[in-house]
Amino acid sequence: MGKIVAAMATMHAPQLFTRPPEENPKQLDAGIAAMRKLGQVLDETKPDALVIFASDHMETFFLQSVPTFAVIAGERAKTAFAGRTWNPAIHQKLAEDLLEGLVHRDFDMTYSQDAVLGHSFAAPFEWILGTRDIPVVPIFVNTYLPPLPRPQRCAALGRAIAEIVAAKPERVALLASGGMSHYPGTAKYYEPAFDFDRWCIRELENSHTGSFLNLTPEQLDEVGNTEMLPWAIVLGAAGAQHMELLSYQETSHHGHAVARFLP
């Protein structure tokens, strides 16, 4: 029987790579240190595959096609950002089984063999996966271009993934990449909704998952947190749990959160 052995979430701010002078390096380093702790979770739980749910910042799909959910099922996860590349192996059998199982459960999944991934995948590959020989399954979630999926629909996808994993032999780790509050490319860039972040963190720390999952995409958009939709998938897959916050940094324009979910 398969098993979900770890459920985690991380931010993926591009500033972690580019290190612009206006950033506080201590905040960036604190987030990276917390991400490395998630790497230690992989060492402890020894998964056969790491499934990563992340978003597209108009780097991969944009106007060509905008899937709500997309599984990357090629041989390697082609990833490029800030002049660097990452190409971890993809667990193709698991990717294909998830794709088939989700379609049979009435999720209209898109898939790609060769999509080039951006920084929402690059950050976990760099600081969480690192040099570990763990194959990945990248799954896109549309978090920016309306219409967006509801958190409850994302949670339902997570529950379906948990069902599929339970029928397989693999030990699987899940990772949500995104959040917390920020407003890229808007006039509110330097006005993150830190109050919402703190409220949401308290709710998840106290196992009040429904407080977050019952929000609408419009409500998440108001507080700069549509990138938390991948969290909803992991929460749905993990079931009853509470969150252990490893780091939360209130930068000048973005709430950087790193966490794991415990049964």
Protein backbone atom coordinates (compact mmCIF):
# COMPACT_ATOMS: atom_id res chain seq x y z
CA MET A 1 0.00 0.00 0.00
CA GLY A 2 1.20 3.47 -0.86
CA LYS A 3 1.44 6.22 1.72
CA ILE A 4 1.77 9.98 1.95
CA VAL A 5 4.78 10.30 4.24
CA ALA A 6 5.19 14.09 4.28
CA ALA A 7 3.05 17.16 3.54
CA MET A 8 4.75 20.54 3.32
CA ALA A 9 4.47 24.10 1.98
CA THR A 10 7.01 26.74 1.00
CA MET A 11 7.32 30.16 -0.55
CA HIS A 12 9.37 30.52 -3.73
CA ALA A 13 10.21 34.22 -3.99
CA PRO A 14 12.46 35.05 -6.97
CA GLN A 15 14.44 37.39 -4.70
CA LEU A 16 15.92 34.28 -3.06
CA PHE A 17 17.90 33.85 -6.29
CA THR A 18 18.42 37.43 -7.44
CA ARG A 19 19.22 38.94 -3.98
CA PRO A 20 18.34 42.55 -4.89
CA PRO A 21 19.88 45.21 -2.61
CA GLU A 22 16.51 46.39 -1.29
CA GLU A 23 15.88 43.00 0.32
CA ASN A 24 16.82 42.19 3.91
CA PRO A 25 19.31 39.32 3.49
CA LYS A 26 18.54 38.02 7.00
CA GLN A 27 14.91 37.47 6.00
CA LEU A 28 15.91 35.69 2.80
CA ASP A 29 18.38 33.51 4.67
CA ALA A 30 15.77 32.63 7.33
CA GLY A 31 13.41 31.41 4.62
CA ILE A 32 16.14 29.38 2.92
CA ALA A 33 17.13 27.82 6.25
CA ALA A 34 13.52 26.76 6.82
CA MET A 35 13.35 25.29 3.31
CA ARG A 36 16.46 23.25 4.06
CA LYS A 37 14.61 21.87 7.11
CA LEU A 38 11.97 20.57 4.71
CA GLY A 39 14.82 18.85 2.91
CA GLN A 40 15.65 17.17 6.20
CA VAL A 41 12.03 15.97 6.34
CA LEU A 42 12.71 14.18 3.06
CA ASP A 43 15.76 12.55 4.66
CA GLU A 44 13.64 11.40 7.60
CA THR A 45 10.65 10.11 5.63
CA LYS A 46 12.53 8.65 2.62
CA PRO A 47 9.84 9.11 -0.06
CA ASP A 48 10.01 7.34 -3.40
CA ALA A 49 8.71 10.50 -5.09
CA LEU A 50 8.15 14.18 -4.35
CA VAL A 51 4.98 15.66 -5.86
CA ILE A 52 5.25 19.45 -6.14
CA PHE A 53 2.21 21.68 -6.69
CA ALA A 54 3.21 25.11 -7.98
CA SER A 55 2.03 28.00 -10.12
CA ASP A 56 2.91 29.57 -13.44
CA HIS A 57 3.97 33.24 -13.44
CA MET A 58 3.26 33.62 -17.15
CA GLU A 59 6.58 31.85 -17.74
CA THR A 60 5.27 28.56 -19.13
CA PHE A 61 1.72 28.73 -20.48
CA PHE A 62 0.38 32.33 -20.48
CA LEU A 63 -1.58 33.05 -23.69
CA GLN A 64 -0.84 29.78 -25.50
CA SER A 65 -3.03 27.82 -23.08
CA VAL A 66 -3.93 28.24 -19.43
CA PRO A 67 -4.70 24.89 -17.78
CA THR A 68 -6.33 24.82 -14.39
CA PHE A 69 -4.30 21.76 -13.39
CA ALA A 70 -1.47 20.22 -15.42
CA VAL A 71 0.77 17.21 -14.78
CA ILE A 72 4.31 17.26 -16.20
CA ALA A 73 5.08 13.71 -17.29
CA GLY A 74 8.29 13.84 -19.31
CA GLU A 75 11.57 12.21 -18.38
CA ARG A 76 12.96 15.26 -16.58
CA ALA A 77 11.58 18.46 -15.07
CA LYS A 78 13.10 21.11 -17.32
CA THR A 79 13.48 24.19 -15.14
CA ALA A 80 15.15 27.55 -15.78
CA PHE A 81 15.39 30.80 -13.81
CA ALA A 82 17.90 33.61 -13.22
CA GLY A 83 20.43 32.13 -15.62
CA ARG A 84 20.39 28.70 -13.99
CA THR A 85 18.80 25.35 -14.84
CA TRP A 86 17.52 22.33 -12.88
CA ASN A 87 16.56 18.99 -14.41
CA PRO A 88 15.54 16.47 -11.74
CA ALA A 89 14.19 13.13 -12.94
CA ILE A 90 10.42 12.75 -13.07
CA HIS A 91 8.75 9.66 -11.60
CA GLN A 92 6.97 8.95 -14.87
CA LYS A 93 4.98 5.94 -13.68
CA LEU A 94 3.51 7.91 -10.77
CA ALA A 95 2.90 10.95 -12.98
CA GLU A 96 1.04 8.83 -15.53
CA ASP A 97 -0.95 6.99 -12.87
CA LEU A 98 -1.96 10.29 -11.25
CA LEU A 99 -2.97 11.68 -14.62
CA GLU A 100 -5.08 8.65 -15.52
CA GLY A 101 -6.56 8.28 -12.04
CA LEU A 102 -7.54 11.94 -11.81
CA VAL A 103 -9.18 11.96 -15.25
CA HIS A 104 -11.14 8.84 -14.28
CA ARG A 105 -12.26 10.73 -11.16
CA ASP A 106 -13.68 13.52 -13.35
CA PHE A 107 -10.81 15.99 -13.08
CA ASP A 108 -10.08 17.39 -16.53
CA MET A 109 -6.29 17.34 -16.29
CA THR A 110 -3.87 18.78 -18.80
CA TYR A 111 -0.45 17.21 -19.25
CA SER A 112 2.84 18.10 -20.91
CA GLN A 113 5.99 16.19 -21.72
CA ASP A 114 8.29 19.20 -22.14
CA ALA A 115 6.93 22.34 -20.46
CA VAL A 116 9.75 24.53 -19.11
CA LEU A 117 9.17 25.29 -15.44
CA GLY A 118 9.94 28.57 -13.68
CA HIS A 119 10.97 29.79 -10.24
CA SER A 120 7.99 28.32 -8.37
CA PHE A 121 9.61 24.93 -9.05
CA ALA A 122 13.23 26.12 -9.12
CA ALA A 123 13.19 27.24 -5.47
CA PRO A 124 12.05 23.85 -4.10
CA PHE A 125 14.48 22.07 -6.40
CA GLU A 126 17.35 24.24 -5.14
CA TRP A 127 16.73 24.36 -1.39
CA ILE A 128 14.44 21.43 -0.56
CA LEU A 129 15.17 18.66 -3.06
CA GLY A 130 18.80 19.72 -3.48
CA THR A 131 21.06 16.88 -4.57
CA ARG A 132 18.78 14.16 -3.22
CA ASP A 133 18.07 11.35 -5.66
CA ILE A 134 14.29 11.58 -5.35
CA PRO A 135 12.25 11.73 -8.57
CA VAL A 136 9.58 14.41 -8.75
CA VAL A 137 6.11 14.88 -10.20
CA PRO A 138 5.49 18.57 -11.03
CA ILE A 139 1.85 19.62 -11.09
CA PHE A 140 0.77 23.11 -12.17
CA VAL A 141 -2.08 24.96 -10.49
CA ASN A 142 -3.46 28.10 -12.12
CA THR A 143 -3.22 30.82 -9.47
CA TYR A 144 -3.08 34.00 -11.55
CA LEU A 145 -5.22 34.05 -14.69
CA PRO A 146 -9.00 33.94 -14.03
CA PRO A 147 -11.04 31.84 -13.74
CA LEU A 148 -9.20 30.27 -10.81
CA PRO A 149 -10.18 27.01 -9.11
CA ARG A 150 -11.85 27.24 -5.71
CA PRO A 151 -9.83 26.12 -2.68
CA GLN A 152 -12.43 23.40 -2.09
CA ARG A 153 -11.94 22.10 -5.63
CA CYS A 154 -8.18 22.05 -5.02
CA ALA A 155 -8.74 20.16 -1.77
CA ALA A 156 -10.91 17.65 -3.64
CA LEU A 157 -8.04 17.15 -6.09
CA GLY A 158 -5.78 16.49 -3.12
CA ARG A 159 -8.16 13.90 -1.69
CA ALA A 160 -8.29 12.16 -5.07
CA ILE A 161 -4.49 12.12 -5.22
CA ALA A 162 -4.39 10.56 -1.75
CA GLU A 163 -6.77 7.82 -2.96
CA ILE A 164 -4.56 7.09 -5.96
CA VAL A 165 -1.39 7.01 -3.86
CA ALA A 166 -3.02 4.66 -1.34
CA ALA A 167 -3.53 2.09 -4.09
CA LYS A 168 0.08 2.23 -5.25
CA PRO A 169 3.30 0.95 -3.65
CA GLU A 170 5.17 4.26 -3.49
CA ARG A 171 5.88 6.38 -0.44
CA VAL A 172 5.07 9.94 -1.54
CA ALA A 173 5.91 13.38 -0.19
CA LEU A 174 3.74 16.37 -1.12
CA LEU A 175 4.91 19.96 -1.36
CA ALA A 176 2.91 23.13 -2.05
CA SER A 177 4.96 25.99 -3.51
CA GLY A 178 3.51 29.49 -3.14
CA GLY A 179 2.35 32.28 -0.83
CA MET A 180 1.86 34.07 1.36
CA SER A 181 0.48 37.59 0.74
CA HIS A 182 1.90 39.65 -2.11
CA TYR A 183 0.64 41.70 -5.04
CA PRO A 184 3.18 41.38 -7.87
CA GLY A 185 2.89 43.92 -10.66
CA THR A 186 0.25 46.06 -8.92
CA ALA A 187 0.00 49.36 -7.05
CA LYS A 188 -0.39 47.37 -3.81
CA TYR A 189 3.03 45.76 -4.18
CA TYR A 190 4.34 47.28 -0.94
CA GLU A 191 1.11 46.68 1.00
CA PRO A 192 0.92 42.92 1.70
CA ALA A 193 -2.01 41.65 3.78
CA PHE A 194 0.11 40.50 6.71
CA ASP A 195 -2.95 40.51 9.00
CA PHE A 196 -4.57 37.87 6.81
CA ASP A 197 -1.36 35.84 6.79
CA ARG A 198 -1.18 35.85 10.57
CA TRP A 199 -4.87 34.92 10.86
CA CYS A 200 -4.49 32.08 8.35
CA ILE A 201 -1.38 30.78 10.10
CA ARG A 202 -3.23 30.69 13.44
CA GLU A 203 -6.17 28.86 11.89
CA LEU A 204 -3.99 26.20 10.27
CA GLU A 205 -1.86 25.80 13.39
CA ASN A 206 -5.06 25.01 15.26
CA SER A 207 -6.37 22.53 12.65
CA HIS A 208 -9.09 24.93 11.45
CA THR A 209 -8.49 23.97 7.83
CA GLY A 210 -12.01 24.91 6.75
CA SER A 211 -11.39 28.57 7.58
CA PHE A 212 -9.01 28.68 4.64
CA LEU A 213 -10.61 26.13 2.33
CA ASN A 214 -14.02 27.83 2.46
CA LEU A 215 -12.67 31.09 1.05
CA THR A 216 -13.34 32.00 -2.58
CA PRO A 217 -10.69 32.81 -5.20
CA GLU A 218 -11.94 36.39 -5.08
CA GLN A 219 -11.39 36.58 -1.33
CA LEU A 220 -7.88 35.16 -1.72
CA ASP A 221 -7.17 37.66 -4.47
CA GLU A 222 -8.18 40.56 -2.21
CA VAL A 223 -5.47 39.56 0.29
CA GLY A 224 -2.81 38.67 -2.28
CA ASN A 225 -2.97 34.95 -1.57
CA THR A 226 -4.16 33.15 -4.69
CA GLU A 227 -0.75 31.45 -4.63
CA MET A 228 -1.99 29.50 -1.61
CA LEU A 229 -4.22 27.37 -3.86
CA PRO A 230 -1.47 24.70 -4.00
CA TRP A 231 -1.66 24.61 -0.19
CA ALA A 232 -5.33 23.62 -0.53
CA ILE A 233 -4.36 20.56 -2.57
CA VAL A 234 -1.87 19.41 0.06
CA LEU A 235 -4.36 20.09 2.86
CA GLY A 236 -6.97 18.00 1.05
CA ALA A 237 -4.53 15.13 0.59
CA ALA A 238 -3.20 15.28 4.15
CA GLY A 239 -6.62 15.15 5.81
CA ALA A 240 -6.94 16.01 9.51
CA GLN A 241 -3.72 17.69 10.59
CA HIS A 242 -2.19 20.77 12.14
CA MET A 243 0.47 23.03 10.72
CA GLU A 244 3.94 23.50 12.14
CA LEU A 245 5.25 26.89 10.99
CA LEU A 246 9.00 26.78 10.36
CA SER A 247 9.42 30.39 9.22
CA TYR A 248 7.34 33.46 8.43
CA GLN A 249 9.07 36.63 7.27
CA GLU A 250 7.24 39.91 6.68
CA THR A 251 9.37 41.35 3.89
CA SER A 252 8.60 44.77 2.43
CA HIS A 253 6.37 43.26 -0.24
CA HIS A 254 5.72 39.59 0.52
CA GLY A 255 4.91 37.24 3.39
CA HIS A 256 7.44 34.39 3.17
CA ALA A 257 6.07 31.22 4.81
CA VAL A 258 7.54 27.73 5.16
CA ALA A 259 5.59 25.01 6.99
CA ARG A 260 4.88 21.32 7.34
CA PHE A 261 1.58 19.60 8.09
CA LEU A 262 1.46 16.93 10.79
CA PRO A 263 -1.23 14.28 11.40
